[in-house]
Amino acid sequence: MTSDVMDLGNGVYSINGRAAAVRGGVTGAIHVAYKDATKYCQSKNPATHAIILNSFSHDVYNASSASSWNQGTGYSHSNVSATGNADLVFKCGI
């Protein structure tokens, strides 16, 4: 999933990508952001692709837990997963 492309001026653009852990986390976020940035460039000129000028990526950790206890028996479960976020600053070029 990506954000809309933001025009930063002077032919420079920004896009944010996100991907769940099962979709590759940070690596997946970078991939979808670059893919959509290239799509944006090709919508302007089919011969172009995204040229990355700067990038920032990080994981956002999500944690959950559940417990159930009943007459001496119990169950406890916890889960931690990382959603990847990537911000790309790019221009379109050949």
Protein backbone atom coordinates (compact mmCIF):
# COMPACT_ATOMS: atom_id res chain seq x y z
CA MET A 1 0.00 0.00 0.00
CA THR A 2 1.32 3.45 -0.84
CA SER A 3 0.35 7.04 -0.30
CA ASP A 4 -0.42 9.42 -3.11
CA VAL A 5 2.65 10.95 -4.74
CA MET A 6 3.48 14.39 -3.34
CA ASP A 7 5.02 16.99 -5.65
CA LEU A 8 7.90 18.64 -3.76
CA GLY A 9 8.70 21.04 -6.61
CA ASN A 10 11.45 21.23 -9.21
CA GLY A 11 10.62 17.76 -10.56
CA VAL A 12 11.12 16.05 -7.17
CA TYR A 13 8.42 13.83 -5.65
CA SER A 14 7.79 11.85 -2.47
CA ILE A 15 5.88 8.63 -1.78
CA ASN A 16 5.34 6.49 1.32
CA GLY A 17 5.00 2.70 1.19
CA ARG A 18 3.80 0.29 3.87
CA ALA A 19 3.91 -3.49 4.03
CA ALA A 20 2.90 -5.99 6.71
CA ALA A 21 5.49 -8.43 8.00
CA VAL A 22 4.03 -11.22 5.83
CA ARG A 23 4.51 -8.96 2.77
CA GLY A 24 8.17 -8.31 3.53
CA GLY A 25 8.14 -5.56 6.17
CA VAL A 26 10.63 -2.80 5.25
CA THR A 27 11.83 -4.61 2.13
CA GLY A 28 8.26 -5.00 0.93
CA ALA A 29 7.50 -1.34 1.70
CA ILE A 30 10.49 -0.17 -0.35
CA HIS A 31 9.44 -2.46 -3.21
CA VAL A 32 5.83 -1.22 -3.39
CA ALA A 33 6.88 2.43 -3.03
CA TYR A 34 9.44 2.13 -5.84
CA LYS A 35 6.98 0.24 -8.05
CA ASP A 36 4.29 2.91 -7.59
CA ALA A 37 6.82 5.73 -8.02
CA THR A 38 7.87 4.20 -11.35
CA LYS A 39 4.19 3.85 -12.35
CA TYR A 40 3.75 7.55 -11.58
CA CYS A 41 6.75 8.47 -13.73
CA GLN A 42 5.57 6.28 -16.60
CA SER A 43 2.14 7.92 -16.47
CA LYS A 44 3.93 11.17 -17.34
CA ASN A 45 6.36 9.64 -19.86
CA PRO A 46 6.40 5.88 -20.64
CA ALA A 47 10.17 5.91 -21.20
CA THR A 48 10.97 6.98 -17.62
CA HIS A 49 11.35 5.31 -14.24
CA ALA A 50 11.81 6.52 -10.66
CA ILE A 51 15.30 7.61 -9.67
CA ILE A 52 15.64 7.53 -5.88
CA LEU A 53 17.25 10.65 -4.42
CA ASN A 54 16.73 9.80 -0.76
CA SER A 55 15.02 7.15 1.32
CA PHE A 56 14.12 6.47 4.91
CA SER A 57 12.69 3.20 6.16
CA HIS A 58 11.82 1.67 9.51
CA ASP A 59 9.78 -1.05 11.16
CA VAL A 60 6.74 -0.28 13.29
CA TYR A 61 6.36 -3.04 15.86
CA ASN A 62 2.89 -4.20 16.84
CA ALA A 63 2.37 -6.37 19.89
CA SER A 64 -0.69 -8.20 21.14
CA SER A 65 -1.38 -10.70 23.86
CA ALA A 66 -4.30 -12.76 25.08
CA SER A 67 -4.81 -14.89 28.16
CA SER A 68 -7.56 -17.17 29.37
CA TRP A 69 -7.69 -18.99 32.69
CA ASN A 70 -10.38 -21.45 33.78
CA GLN A 71 -10.35 -23.76 36.83
CA GLY A 72 -6.64 -24.47 36.93
CA THR A 73 -6.00 -24.53 33.20
CA GLY A 74 -4.77 -21.59 31.30
CA TYR A 75 -3.72 -20.29 27.97
CA SER A 76 -1.54 -17.34 27.16
CA HIS A 77 -0.41 -16.11 23.77
CA SER A 78 1.56 -13.11 22.63
CA ASN A 79 2.51 -11.93 19.18
CA VAL A 80 4.92 -9.30 17.87
CA SER A 81 5.03 -8.32 14.22
CA ALA A 82 6.73 -5.54 12.30
CA THR A 83 5.03 -3.45 9.66
CA GLY A 84 7.53 -1.82 7.31
CA ASN A 85 7.36 1.84 6.32
CA ALA A 86 9.45 3.44 3.59
CA ASP A 87 9.58 7.06 2.43
CA LEU A 88 11.15 7.65 -0.98
CA VAL A 89 12.12 10.99 -2.49
CA PHE A 90 12.53 10.59 -6.24
CA LYS A 91 12.61 12.21 -9.63
CA CYS A 92 11.64 10.75 -12.97
CA GLY A 93 14.33 10.00 -15.51
CA ILE A 94 15.52 7.68 -18.25
